[in-house]
């Protein structure tokens, strides 16, 4: 291309809508699974898959990130992942209500 000519980029953004739809569908399946004890583990798996779909879809599309936003998203997610893994390994099932209450308090503080 010569100097001063704009480059035309052909890119189908329909895949983002597909990934978002899949992620939201997984969240609905998550809520349905969490409503009964026998299907709760599968509900949690659906929730994790849905969140991974949404993060990956929006992270990969440059429309939803500004300038150097990709590394900011990664740096922002990393502490939550570390805290979640450490607390999941350390907390016994009998003290789970207290953990949920603490996490809800942290969510309210963040808002």
PDB file of N, CA and C in Angstrom:
ATOM      1  N   UNK A   1       0.843  -1.177   0.000  1.00  0.00           N
ATOM      2  CA  UNK A   1       0.000   0.000   0.000  1.00  0.00           C
ATOM      3  C   UNK A   1       0.885   1.235   0.000  1.00  0.00           C
ATOM      4  N   UNK A   2       0.399   2.226  -0.655  1.00  0.00           N
ATOM      5  CA  UNK A   2       1.162   3.459  -0.749  1.00  0.00           C
ATOM      6  C   UNK A   2       1.006   4.317   0.488  1.00  0.00           C
ATOM      7  N   UNK A   3       1.740   5.388   0.506  1.00  0.00           N
ATOM      8  CA  UNK A   3       1.717   6.294   1.641  1.00  0.00           C
ATOM      9  C   UNK A   3       0.391   7.040   1.665  1.00  0.00           C
ATOM     10  N   UNK A   4      -0.222   7.151   2.815  1.00  0.00           N
ATOM     11  CA  UNK A   4      -1.458   7.896   2.959  1.00  0.00           C
ATOM     12  C   UNK A   4      -2.714   7.073   2.692  1.00  0.00           C
ATOM     13  N   UNK A   5      -2.572   5.833   2.242  1.00  0.00           N
ATOM     14  CA  UNK A   5      -3.736   4.997   2.003  1.00  0.00           C
ATOM     15  C   UNK A   5      -4.110   4.268   3.284  1.00  0.00           C
ATOM     16  N   UNK A   6      -5.414   4.173   3.511  1.00  0.00           N
ATOM     17  CA  UNK A   6      -5.902   3.466   4.685  1.00  0.00           C
ATOM     18  C   UNK A   6      -5.937   1.971   4.400  1.00  0.00           C
ATOM     19  N   UNK A   7      -5.579   1.208   5.401  1.00  0.00           N
ATOM     20  CA  UNK A   7      -5.621  -0.244   5.259  1.00  0.00           C
ATOM     21  C   UNK A   7      -7.031  -0.718   5.621  1.00  0.00           C
ATOM     22  N   UNK A   8      -7.600  -1.532   4.784  1.00  0.00           N
ATOM     23  CA  UNK A   8      -8.936  -2.072   5.037  1.00  0.00           C
ATOM     24  C   UNK A   8      -8.770  -3.413   5.737  1.00  0.00           C
ATOM     25  N   UNK A   9      -9.415  -3.546   6.889  1.00  0.00           N
ATOM     26  CA  UNK A   9      -9.331  -4.771   7.660  1.00  0.00           C
ATOM     27  C   UNK A   9     -10.689  -5.455   7.602  1.00  0.00           C
ATOM     28  N   UNK A  10     -10.700  -6.679   7.144  1.00  0.00           N
ATOM     29  CA  UNK A  10     -11.929  -7.462   7.101  1.00  0.00           C
ATOM     30  C   UNK A  10     -11.901  -8.446   8.261  1.00  0.00           C
ATOM     31  N   UNK A  11     -12.781  -8.217   9.215  1.00  0.00           N
ATOM     32  CA  UNK A  11     -12.802  -9.045  10.412  1.00  0.00           C
ATOM     33  C   UNK A  11     -14.239  -9.193  10.852  1.00  0.00           C
ATOM     34  N   UNK A  12     -14.695 -10.405  10.975  1.00  0.00           N
ATOM     35  CA  UNK A  12     -16.061 -10.674  11.381  1.00  0.00           C
ATOM     36  C   UNK A  12     -16.143 -10.668  12.907  1.00  0.00           C
ATOM     37  N   UNK A  13     -16.924  -9.763  13.453  1.00  0.00           N
ATOM     38  CA  UNK A  13     -17.051  -9.654  14.910  1.00  0.00           C
ATOM     39  C   UNK A  13     -18.184 -10.515  15.451  1.00  0.00           C
ATOM     40  N   UNK A  14     -18.777 -11.321  14.597  1.00  0.00           N
ATOM     41  CA  UNK A  14     -19.874 -12.179  15.040  1.00  0.00           C
ATOM     42  C   UNK A  14     -19.460 -13.217  16.057  1.00  0.00           C
ATOM     43  N   UNK A  15     -18.184 -13.571  16.088  1.00  0.00           N
ATOM     44  CA  UNK A  15     -17.729 -14.578  17.039  1.00  0.00           C
ATOM     45  C   UNK A  15     -17.832 -14.082  18.478  1.00  0.00           C
ATOM     46  N   UNK A  16     -17.703 -12.771  18.681  1.00  0.00           N
ATOM     47  CA  UNK A  16     -17.825 -12.233  20.039  1.00  0.00           C
ATOM     48  C   UNK A  16     -19.245 -12.441  20.543  1.00  0.00           C
ATOM     49  N   UNK A  17     -20.230 -12.196  19.689  1.00  0.00           N
ATOM     50  CA  UNK A  17     -21.624 -12.414  20.077  1.00  0.00           C
ATOM     51  C   UNK A  17     -21.869 -13.888  20.397  1.00  0.00           C
ATOM     52  N   UNK A  18     -21.250 -14.777  19.639  1.00  0.00           N
ATOM     53  CA  UNK A  18     -21.405 -16.211  19.892  1.00  0.00           C
ATOM     54  C   UNK A  18     -20.800 -16.599  21.238  1.00  0.00           C
ATOM     55  N   UNK A  19     -19.618 -16.079  21.529  1.00  0.00           N
ATOM     56  CA  UNK A  19     -18.956 -16.396  22.804  1.00  0.00           C
ATOM     57  C   UNK A  19     -19.754 -15.823  23.973  1.00  0.00           C
ATOM     58  N   UNK A  20     -20.267 -14.601  23.822  1.00  0.00           N
ATOM     59  CA  UNK A  20     -21.063 -13.989  24.887  1.00  0.00           C
ATOM     60  C   UNK A  20     -22.349 -14.778  25.103  1.00  0.00           C
ATOM     61  N   UNK A  21     -22.996 -15.191  24.041  1.00  0.00           N
ATOM     62  CA  UNK A  21     -24.215 -15.989  24.161  1.00  0.00           C
ATOM     63  C   UNK A  21     -23.926 -17.317  24.854  1.00  0.00           C
ATOM     64  N   UNK A  22     -22.816 -17.958  24.501  1.00  0.00           N
ATOM     65  CA  UNK A  22     -22.440 -19.213  25.160  1.00  0.00           C
ATOM     66  C   UNK A  22     -22.155 -18.990  26.639  1.00  0.00           C
ATOM     67  N   UNK A  23     -21.460 -17.900  26.960  1.00  0.00           N
ATOM     68  CA  UNK A  23     -21.165 -17.599  28.356  1.00  0.00           C
ATOM     69  C   UNK A  23     -22.414 -17.324  29.169  1.00  0.00           C
ATOM     70  N   UNK A  24     -23.336 -16.557  28.610  1.00  0.00           N
ATOM     71  CA  UNK A  24     -24.577 -16.257  29.328  1.00  0.00           C
ATOM     72  C   UNK A  24     -25.450 -17.495  29.481  1.00  0.00           C
ATOM     73  N   UNK A  25     -25.440 -18.361  28.474  1.00  0.00           N
ATOM     74  CA  UNK A  25     -26.171 -19.619  28.576  1.00  0.00           C
ATOM     75  C   UNK A  25     -25.589 -20.487  29.688  1.00  0.00           C
ATOM     76  N   UNK A  26     -24.273 -20.496  29.801  1.00  0.00           N
ATOM     77  CA  UNK A  26     -23.640 -21.245  30.887  1.00  0.00           C
ATOM     78  C   UNK A  26     -24.019 -20.675  32.248  1.00  0.00           C
ATOM     79  N   UNK A  27     -24.167 -19.359  32.351  1.00  0.00           N
ATOM     80  CA  UNK A  27     -24.595 -18.768  33.623  1.00  0.00           C
ATOM     81  C   UNK A  27     -26.014 -19.186  33.982  1.00  0.00           C
ATOM     82  N   UNK A  28     -26.897 -19.266  32.999  1.00  0.00           N
ATOM     83  CA  UNK A  28     -28.264 -19.724  33.266  1.00  0.00           C
ATOM     84  C   UNK A  28     -28.246 -21.179  33.715  1.00  0.00           C
ATOM     85  N   UNK A  29     -27.439 -22.010  33.031  1.00  0.00           N
ATOM     86  CA  UNK A  29     -27.308 -23.408  33.453  1.00  0.00           C
ATOM     87  C   UNK A  29     -26.687 -23.507  34.848  1.00  0.00           C
ATOM     88  N   UNK A  30     -25.798 -22.581  35.173  1.00  0.00           N
ATOM     89  CA  UNK A  30     -25.192 -22.542  36.503  1.00  0.00           C
ATOM     90  C   UNK A  30     -26.262 -22.313  37.572  1.00  0.00           C
ATOM     91  N   UNK A  31     -27.115 -21.330  37.349  1.00  0.00           N
ATOM     92  CA  UNK A  31     -28.169 -21.051  38.325  1.00  0.00           C
ATOM     93  C   UNK A  31     -29.142 -22.216  38.451  1.00  0.00           C
ATOM     94  N   UNK A  32     -29.449 -22.855  37.327  1.00  0.00           N
ATOM     95  CA  UNK A  32     -30.332 -24.024  37.377  1.00  0.00           C
ATOM     96  C   UNK A  32     -29.665 -25.167  38.135  1.00  0.00           C
ATOM     97  N   UNK A  33     -28.367 -25.361  37.925  1.00  0.00           N
ATOM     98  CA  UNK A  33     -27.659 -26.441  38.603  1.00  0.00           C
ATOM     99  C   UNK A  33     -27.489 -26.200  40.084  1.00  0.00           C
ATOM    100  N   UNK A  34     -27.311 -24.938  40.471  1.00  0.00           N
ATOM    101  CA  UNK A  34     -27.104 -24.628  41.890  1.00  0.00           C
ATOM    102  C   UNK A  34     -28.388 -24.695  42.704  1.00  0.00           C
ATOM    103  N   UNK A  35     -29.528 -24.859  42.042  1.00  0.00           N
ATOM    104  CA  UNK A  35     -30.789 -24.898  42.776  1.00  0.00           C
ATOM    105  C   UNK A  35     -31.025 -26.249  43.450  1.00  0.00           C
ATOM    106  N   UNK A  36     -30.270 -27.282  43.080  1.00  0.00           N
ATOM    107  CA  UNK A  36     -30.421 -28.612  43.682  1.00  0.00           C
ATOM    108  C   UNK A  36     -29.051 -29.129  44.113  1.00  0.00           C
ATOM    109  N   UNK A  37     -29.018 -29.805  45.240  1.00  0.00           N
ATOM    110  CA  UNK A  37     -27.749 -30.299  45.775  1.00  0.00           C
ATOM    111  C   UNK A  37     -27.075 -31.312  44.843  1.00  0.00           C
ATOM    112  N   UNK A  38     -27.780 -32.280  44.264  1.00  0.00           N
ATOM    113  CA  UNK A  38     -27.086 -33.260  43.413  1.00  0.00           C
ATOM    114  C   UNK A  38     -26.434 -32.652  42.161  1.00  0.00           C
ATOM    115  N   UNK A  39     -26.966 -31.546  41.668  1.00  0.00           N
ATOM    116  CA  UNK A  39     -26.415 -30.949  40.444  1.00  0.00           C
ATOM    117  C   UNK A  39     -25.568 -29.704  40.719  1.00  0.00           C
ATOM    118  N   UNK A  40     -25.229 -29.455  41.977  1.00  0.00           N
ATOM    119  CA  UNK A  40     -24.502 -28.227  42.332  1.00  0.00           C
ATOM    120  C   UNK A  40     -23.088 -28.205  41.753  1.00  0.00           C
ATOM    121  N   UNK A  41     -22.398 -29.342  41.746  1.00  0.00           N
ATOM    122  CA  UNK A  41     -21.040 -29.361  41.198  1.00  0.00           C
ATOM    123  C   UNK A  41     -21.047 -29.032  39.710  1.00  0.00           C
ATOM    124  N   UNK A  42     -22.016 -29.574  38.986  1.00  0.00           N
ATOM    125  CA  UNK A  42     -22.106 -29.267  37.557  1.00  0.00           C
ATOM    126  C   UNK A  42     -22.474 -27.796  37.356  1.00  0.00           C
ATOM    127  N   UNK A  43     -23.306 -27.260  38.230  1.00  0.00           N
ATOM    128  CA  UNK A  43     -23.654 -25.846  38.151  1.00  0.00           C
ATOM    129  C   UNK A  43     -22.436 -24.954  38.320  1.00  0.00           C
ATOM    130  N   UNK A  44     -21.565 -25.311  39.231  1.00  0.00           N
ATOM    131  CA  UNK A  44     -20.344 -24.542  39.439  1.00  0.00           C
ATOM    132  C   UNK A  44     -19.448 -24.629  38.204  1.00  0.00           C
ATOM    133  N   UNK A  45     -19.368 -25.820  37.614  1.00  0.00           N
ATOM    134  CA  UNK A  45     -18.570 -25.971  36.383  1.00  0.00           C
ATOM    135  C   UNK A  45     -19.125 -25.095  35.260  1.00  0.00           C
ATOM    136  N   UNK A  46     -20.452 -25.060  35.111  1.00  0.00           N
ATOM    137  CA  UNK A  46     -21.059 -24.193  34.098  1.00  0.00           C
ATOM    138  C   UNK A  46     -20.732 -22.722  34.368  1.00  0.00           C
ATOM    139  N   UNK A  47     -20.743 -22.326  35.626  1.00  0.00           N
ATOM    140  CA  UNK A  47     -20.405 -20.948  35.968  1.00  0.00           C
ATOM    141  C   UNK A  47     -18.965 -20.598  35.619  1.00  0.00           C
ATOM    142  N   UNK A  48     -18.051 -21.519  35.875  1.00  0.00           N
ATOM    143  CA  UNK A  48     -16.645 -21.272  35.539  1.00  0.00           C
ATOM    144  C   UNK A  48     -16.448 -21.191  34.024  1.00  0.00           C
ATOM    145  N   UNK A  49     -17.119 -22.077  33.294  1.00  0.00           N
ATOM    146  CA  UNK A  49     -17.010 -22.053  31.831  1.00  0.00           C
ATOM    147  C   UNK A  49     -17.592 -20.756  31.278  1.00  0.00           C
ATOM    148  N   UNK A  50     -18.728 -20.330  31.822  1.00  0.00           N
ATOM    149  CA  UNK A  50     -19.349 -19.083  31.363  1.00  0.00           C
ATOM    150  C   UNK A  50     -18.465 -17.878  31.604  1.00  0.00           C
ATOM    151  N   UNK A  51     -17.872 -17.798  32.776  1.00  0.00           N
ATOM    152  CA  UNK A  51     -16.996 -16.668  33.081  1.00  0.00           C
ATOM    153  C   UNK A  51     -15.759 -16.686  32.198  1.00  0.00           C
ATOM    154  N   UNK A  52     -15.197 -17.867  31.965  1.00  0.00           N
ATOM    155  CA  UNK A  52     -14.024 -17.962  31.091  1.00  0.00           C
ATOM    156  C   UNK A  52     -14.367 -17.535  29.664  1.00  0.00           C
ATOM    157  N   UNK A  53     -15.547 -17.930  29.180  1.00  0.00           N
ATOM    158  CA  UNK A  53     -15.978 -17.518  27.831  1.00  0.00           C
ATOM    159  C   UNK A  53     -16.095 -16.001  27.734  1.00  0.00           C
ATOM    160  N   UNK A  54     -16.713 -15.385  28.717  1.00  0.00           N
ATOM    161  CA  UNK A  54     -16.920 -13.935  28.661  1.00  0.00           C
ATOM    162  C   UNK A  54     -15.601 -13.175  28.772  1.00  0.00           C
ATOM    163  N   UNK A  55     -14.745 -13.584  29.679  1.00  0.00           N
ATOM    164  CA  UNK A  55     -13.464 -12.896  29.818  1.00  0.00           C
ATOM    165  C   UNK A  55     -12.638 -13.053  28.550  1.00  0.00           C
ATOM    166  N   UNK A  56     -12.565 -14.276  28.023  1.00  0.00           N
ATOM    167  CA  UNK A  56     -11.766 -14.517  26.816  1.00  0.00           C
ATOM    168  C   UNK A  56     -12.335 -13.765  25.619  1.00  0.00           C
ATOM    169  N   UNK A  57     -13.646 -13.760  25.480  1.00  0.00           N
ATOM    170  CA  UNK A  57     -14.254 -13.090  24.339  1.00  0.00           C
ATOM    171  C   UNK A  57     -14.033 -11.585  24.352  1.00  0.00           C
ATOM    172  N   UNK A  58     -14.265 -10.969  25.486  1.00  0.00           N
ATOM    173  CA  UNK A  58     -14.090  -9.516  25.559  1.00  0.00           C
ATOM    174  C   UNK A  58     -12.619  -9.120  25.569  1.00  0.00           C
ATOM    175  N   UNK A  59     -11.779  -9.976  26.109  1.00  0.00           N
ATOM    176  CA  UNK A  59     -10.349  -9.686  26.146  1.00  0.00           C
ATOM    177  C   UNK A  59      -9.741  -9.776  24.747  1.00  0.00           C
ATOM    178  N   UNK A  60     -10.203 -10.719  23.957  1.00  0.00           N
ATOM    179  CA  UNK A  60      -9.639 -10.913  22.621  1.00  0.00           C
ATOM    180  C   UNK A  60     -10.124  -9.876  21.614  1.00  0.00           C
ATOM    181  N   UNK A  61     -11.233  -9.206  21.895  1.00  0.00           N
ATOM    182  CA  UNK A  61     -11.770  -8.223  20.954  1.00  0.00           C
ATOM    183  C   UNK A  61     -11.298  -6.831  21.357  1.00  0.00           C
ATOM    184  N   UNK A  62     -10.621  -6.157  20.450  1.00  0.00           N
ATOM    185  CA  UNK A  62     -10.041  -4.850  20.761  1.00  0.00           C
ATOM    186  C   UNK A  62     -11.093  -3.753  20.910  1.00  0.00           C
ATOM    187  N   UNK A  63     -12.336  -4.023  20.557  1.00  0.00           N
ATOM    188  CA  UNK A  63     -13.397  -3.034  20.714  1.00  0.00           C
ATOM    189  C   UNK A  63     -13.654  -2.727  22.190  1.00  0.00           C
ATOM    190  N   UNK A  64     -13.470  -3.725  23.048  1.00  0.00           N
ATOM    191  CA  UNK A  64     -13.817  -3.581  24.456  1.00  0.00           C
ATOM    192  C   UNK A  64     -12.636  -3.230  25.346  1.00  0.00           C
ATOM    193  N   UNK A  65     -11.465  -3.112  24.777  1.00  0.00           N
ATOM    194  CA  UNK A  65     -10.297  -2.729  25.576  1.00  0.00           C
ATOM    195  C   UNK A  65      -9.694  -1.459  24.988  1.00  0.00           C
ATOM    196  N   UNK A  66      -9.210  -0.600  25.850  1.00  0.00           N
ATOM    197  CA  UNK A  66      -8.641   0.673  25.425  1.00  0.00           C
ATOM    198  C   UNK A  66      -7.131   0.627  25.548  1.00  0.00           C
ATOM    199  N   UNK A  67      -6.453   0.926  24.478  1.00  0.00           N
ATOM    200  CA  UNK A  67      -5.005   1.063  24.435  1.00  0.00           C
ATOM    201  C   UNK A  67      -4.296  -0.156  25.042  1.00  0.00           C
ATOM    202  N   UNK A  68      -3.784  -0.032  26.235  1.00  0.00           N
ATOM    203  CA  UNK A  68      -3.043  -1.123  26.870  1.00  0.00           C
ATOM    204  C   UNK A  68      -3.917  -1.838  27.900  1.00  0.00           C
ATOM    205  N   UNK A  69      -5.193  -1.947  27.617  1.00  0.00           N
ATOM    206  CA  UNK A  69      -6.128  -2.531  28.570  1.00  0.00           C
ATOM    207  C   UNK A  69      -5.951  -4.013  28.803  1.00  0.00           C
ATOM    208  N   UNK A  70      -5.335  -4.718  27.868  1.00  0.00           N
ATOM    209  CA  UNK A  70      -5.183  -6.158  28.031  1.00  0.00           C
ATOM    210  C   UNK A  70      -4.340  -6.513  29.245  1.00  0.00           C
ATOM    211  N   UNK A  71      -3.225  -5.841  29.418  1.00  0.00           N
ATOM    212  CA  UNK A  71      -2.394  -6.162  30.579  1.00  0.00           C
ATOM    213  C   UNK A  71      -3.042  -5.669  31.868  1.00  0.00           C
ATOM    214  N   UNK A  72      -3.827  -4.595  31.803  1.00  0.00           N
ATOM    215  CA  UNK A  72      -4.537  -4.134  32.999  1.00  0.00           C
ATOM    216  C   UNK A  72      -5.574  -5.160  33.455  1.00  0.00           C
ATOM    217  N   UNK A  73      -6.239  -5.778  32.481  1.00  0.00           N
ATOM    218  CA  UNK A  73      -7.212  -6.813  32.830  1.00  0.00           C
ATOM    219  C   UNK A  73      -6.499  -7.995  33.485  1.00  0.00           C
ATOM    220  N   UNK A  74      -5.394  -8.422  32.913  1.00  0.00           N
ATOM    221  CA  UNK A  74      -4.650  -9.557  33.474  1.00  0.00           C
ATOM    222  C   UNK A  74      -4.137  -9.248  34.878  1.00  0.00           C
ATOM    223  N   UNK A  75      -3.597  -8.047  35.065  1.00  0.00           N
ATOM    224  CA  UNK A  75      -3.082  -7.657  36.385  1.00  0.00           C
ATOM    225  C   UNK A  75      -4.225  -7.545  37.397  1.00  0.00           C
ATOM    226  N   UNK A  76      -5.398  -7.131  36.949  1.00  0.00           N
ATOM    227  CA  UNK A  76      -6.537  -7.009  37.856  1.00  0.00           C
ATOM    228  C   UNK A  76      -7.116  -8.362  38.235  1.00  0.00           C
ATOM    229  N   UNK A  77      -7.068  -9.316  37.339  1.00  0.00           N
ATOM    230  CA  UNK A  77      -7.625 -10.635  37.613  1.00  0.00           C
ATOM    231  C   UNK A  77      -6.693 -11.465  38.498  1.00  0.00           C
ATOM    232  N   UNK A  78      -5.416 -11.302  38.365  1.00  0.00           N
ATOM    233  CA  UNK A  78      -4.436 -12.148  39.057  1.00  0.00           C
ATOM    234  C   UNK A  78      -4.609 -12.183  40.586  1.00  0.00           C
ATOM    235  N   UNK A  79      -4.762 -11.046  41.277  1.00  0.00           N
ATOM    236  CA  UNK A  79      -4.923 -11.142  42.741  1.00  0.00           C
ATOM    237  C   UNK A  79      -6.188 -11.898  43.148  1.00  0.00           C
ATOM    238  N   UNK A  80      -7.259 -11.716  42.401  1.00  0.00           N
ATOM    239  CA  UNK A  80      -8.495 -12.434  42.713  1.00  0.00           C
ATOM    240  C   UNK A  80      -8.351 -13.932  42.550  1.00  0.00           C
ATOM    241  N   UNK A  81      -7.613 -14.331  41.519  1.00  0.00           N
ATOM    242  CA  UNK A  81      -7.375 -15.762  41.299  1.00  0.00           C
ATOM    243  C   UNK A  81      -6.547 -16.336  42.450  1.00  0.00           C
ATOM    244  N   UNK A  82      -5.513 -15.631  42.836  1.00  0.00           N
ATOM    245  CA  UNK A  82      -4.649 -16.112  43.923  1.00  0.00           C
ATOM    246  C   UNK A  82      -5.436 -16.192  45.234  1.00  0.00           C
ATOM    247  N   UNK A  83      -6.186 -15.152  45.562  1.00  0.00           N
ATOM    248  CA  UNK A  83      -6.978 -15.147  46.805  1.00  0.00           C
ATOM    249  C   UNK A  83      -8.025 -16.249  46.766  1.00  0.00           C
ATOM    250  N   UNK A  84      -8.672 -16.443  45.628  1.00  0.00           N
ATOM    251  CA  UNK A  84      -9.688 -17.488  45.506  1.00  0.00           C
ATOM    252  C   UNK A  84      -9.124 -18.878  45.686  1.00  0.00           C
ATOM    253  N   UNK A  85      -7.970 -19.146  45.084  1.00  0.00           N
ATOM    254  CA  UNK A  85      -7.360 -20.473  45.208  1.00  0.00           C
ATOM    255  C   UNK A  85      -6.886 -20.726  46.634  1.00  0.00           C
ATOM    256  N   UNK A  86      -6.251 -19.730  47.239  1.00  0.00           N
ATOM    257  CA  UNK A  86      -5.763 -19.894  48.618  1.00  0.00           C
ATOM    258  C   UNK A  86      -6.926 -20.101  49.577  1.00  0.00           C
ATOM    259  N   UNK A  87      -7.993 -19.306  49.422  1.00  0.00           N
ATOM    260  CA  UNK A  87      -9.125 -19.460  50.343  1.00  0.00           C
ATOM    261  C   UNK A  87      -9.869 -20.767  50.095  1.00  0.00           C
ATOM    262  N   UNK A  88      -9.931 -21.232  48.856  1.00  0.00           N
ATOM    263  CA  UNK A  88     -10.591 -22.508  48.578  1.00  0.00           C
ATOM    264  C   UNK A  88      -9.829 -23.670  49.189  1.00  0.00           C
ATOM    265  N   UNK A  89      -8.518 -23.580  49.236  1.00  0.00           N
ATOM    266  CA  UNK A  89      -7.711 -24.648  49.830  1.00  0.00           C
ATOM    267  C   UNK A  89      -7.724 -24.592  51.360  1.00  0.00           C
ATOM    268  N   UNK A  90      -7.857 -23.398  51.927  1.00  0.00           N
ATOM    269  CA  UNK A  90      -7.706 -23.245  53.369  1.00  0.00           C
ATOM    270  C   UNK A  90      -9.014 -23.396  54.153  1.00  0.00           C
ATOM    271  N   UNK A  91     -10.131 -23.043  53.563  1.00  0.00           N
ATOM    272  CA  UNK A  91     -11.395 -22.993  54.304  1.00  0.00           C
ATOM    273  C   UNK A  91     -12.071 -24.363  54.284  1.00  0.00           C
ATOM    274  N   UNK A  92     -12.514 -24.799  55.442  1.00  0.00           N
ATOM    275  CA  UNK A  92     -13.261 -26.047  55.534  1.00  0.00           C
ATOM    276  C   UNK A  92     -14.715 -25.787  55.161  1.00  0.00           C
ATOM    277  N   UNK A  93     -15.412 -26.825  54.804  1.00  0.00           N
ATOM    278  CA  UNK A  93     -16.791 -26.691  54.348  1.00  0.00           C
ATOM    279  C   UNK A  93     -17.709 -26.169  55.456  1.00  0.00           C
ATOM    280  N   UNK A  94     -17.368 -26.434  56.707  1.00  0.00           N
ATOM    281  CA  UNK A  94     -18.226 -25.978  57.801  1.00  0.00           C
ATOM    282  C   UNK A  94     -18.153 -24.468  58.011  1.00  0.00           C
ATOM    283  N   UNK A  95     -17.079 -23.828  57.580  1.00  0.00           N
ATOM    284  CA  UNK A  95     -16.963 -22.376  57.744  1.00  0.00           C
ATOM    285  C   UNK A  95     -17.226 -21.636  56.429  1.00  0.00           C
ATOM    286  N   UNK A  96     -17.881 -22.304  55.500  1.00  0.00           N
ATOM    287  CA  UNK A  96     -18.184 -21.683  54.217  1.00  0.00           C
ATOM    288  C   UNK A  96     -19.127 -20.490  54.330  1.00  0.00           C
ATOM    289  N   UNK A  97     -20.150 -20.496  55.193  1.00  0.00           N
ATOM    290  CA  UNK A  97     -21.011 -19.303  55.302  1.00  0.00           C
ATOM    291  C   UNK A  97     -20.247 -18.039  55.711  1.00  0.00           C
ATOM    292  N   UNK A  98     -19.268 -18.183  56.605  1.00  0.00           N
ATOM    293  CA  UNK A  98     -18.471 -17.032  57.003  1.00  0.00           C
ATOM    294  C   UNK A  98     -17.633 -16.519  55.832  1.00  0.00           C
ATOM    295  N   UNK A  99     -17.107 -17.437  55.019  1.00  0.00           N
ATOM    296  CA  UNK A  99     -16.318 -17.044  53.857  1.00  0.00           C
ATOM    297  C   UNK A  99     -17.185 -16.300  52.845  1.00  0.00           C
ATOM    298  N   UNK A 100     -18.380 -16.808  52.613  1.00  0.00           N
ATOM    299  CA  UNK A 100     -19.295 -16.142  51.683  1.00  0.00           C
ATOM    300  C   UNK A 100     -19.643 -14.757  52.198  1.00  0.00           C
ATOM    301  N   UNK A 101     -19.875 -14.631  53.494  1.00  0.00           N
ATOM    302  CA  UNK A 101     -20.154 -13.325  54.071  1.00  0.00           C
ATOM    303  C   UNK A 101     -18.993 -12.358  53.928  1.00  0.00           C
ATOM    304  N   UNK A 102     -17.777 -12.867  54.127  1.00  0.00           N
ATOM    305  CA  UNK A 102     -16.589 -12.011  53.966  1.00  0.00           C
ATOM    306  C   UNK A 102     -16.432 -11.566  52.515  1.00  0.00           C
ATOM    307  N   UNK A 103     -16.618 -12.490  51.577  1.00  0.00           N
ATOM    308  CA  UNK A 103     -16.501 -12.128  50.160  1.00  0.00           C
ATOM    309  C   UNK A 103     -17.592 -11.148  49.739  1.00  0.00           C
ATOM    310  N   UNK A 104     -18.806 -11.309  50.281  1.00  0.00           N
ATOM    311  CA  UNK A 104     -19.873 -10.340  49.979  1.00  0.00           C
ATOM    312  C   UNK A 104     -19.516  -8.955  50.526  1.00  0.00           C
ATOM    313  N   UNK A 105     -18.909  -8.933  51.712  1.00  0.00           N
ATOM    314  CA  UNK A 105     -18.473  -7.650  52.265  1.00  0.00           C
ATOM    315  C   UNK A 105     -17.397  -6.998  51.412  1.00  0.00           C
ATOM    316  N   UNK A 106     -16.459  -7.796  50.905  1.00  0.00           N
ATOM    317  CA  UNK A 106     -15.425  -7.252  50.044  1.00  0.00           C
ATOM    318  C   UNK A 106     -16.022  -6.741  48.725  1.00  0.00           C
ATOM    319  N   UNK A 107     -17.008  -7.461  48.209  1.00  0.00           N
ATOM    320  CA  UNK A 107     -17.689  -7.004  46.983  1.00  0.00           C
ATOM    321  C   UNK A 107     -18.414  -5.679  47.209  1.00  0.00           C
ATOM    322  N   UNK A 108     -19.058  -5.555  48.354  1.00  0.00           N
ATOM    323  CA  UNK A 108     -19.719  -4.286  48.673  1.00  0.00           C
ATOM    324  C   UNK A 108     -18.721  -3.160  48.871  1.00  0.00           C
ATOM    325  N   UNK A 109     -17.590  -3.462  49.461  1.00  0.00           N
ATOM    326  CA  UNK A 109     -16.544  -2.457  49.635  1.00  0.00           C
ATOM    327  C   UNK A 109     -15.994  -1.999  48.281  1.00  0.00           C
ATOM    328  N   UNK A 110     -15.837  -2.947  47.362  1.00  0.00           N
ATOM    329  CA  UNK A 110     -15.315  -2.613  46.042  1.00  0.00           C
ATOM    330  C   UNK A 110     -16.303  -1.751  45.246  1.00  0.00           C
ATOM    331  N   UNK A 111     -17.587  -1.967  45.488  1.00  0.00           N
ATOM    332  CA  UNK A 111     -18.596  -1.188  44.748  1.00  0.00           C
ATOM    333  C   UNK A 111     -18.633   0.217  45.274  1.00  0.00           C
TER     334      UNK A 111
END
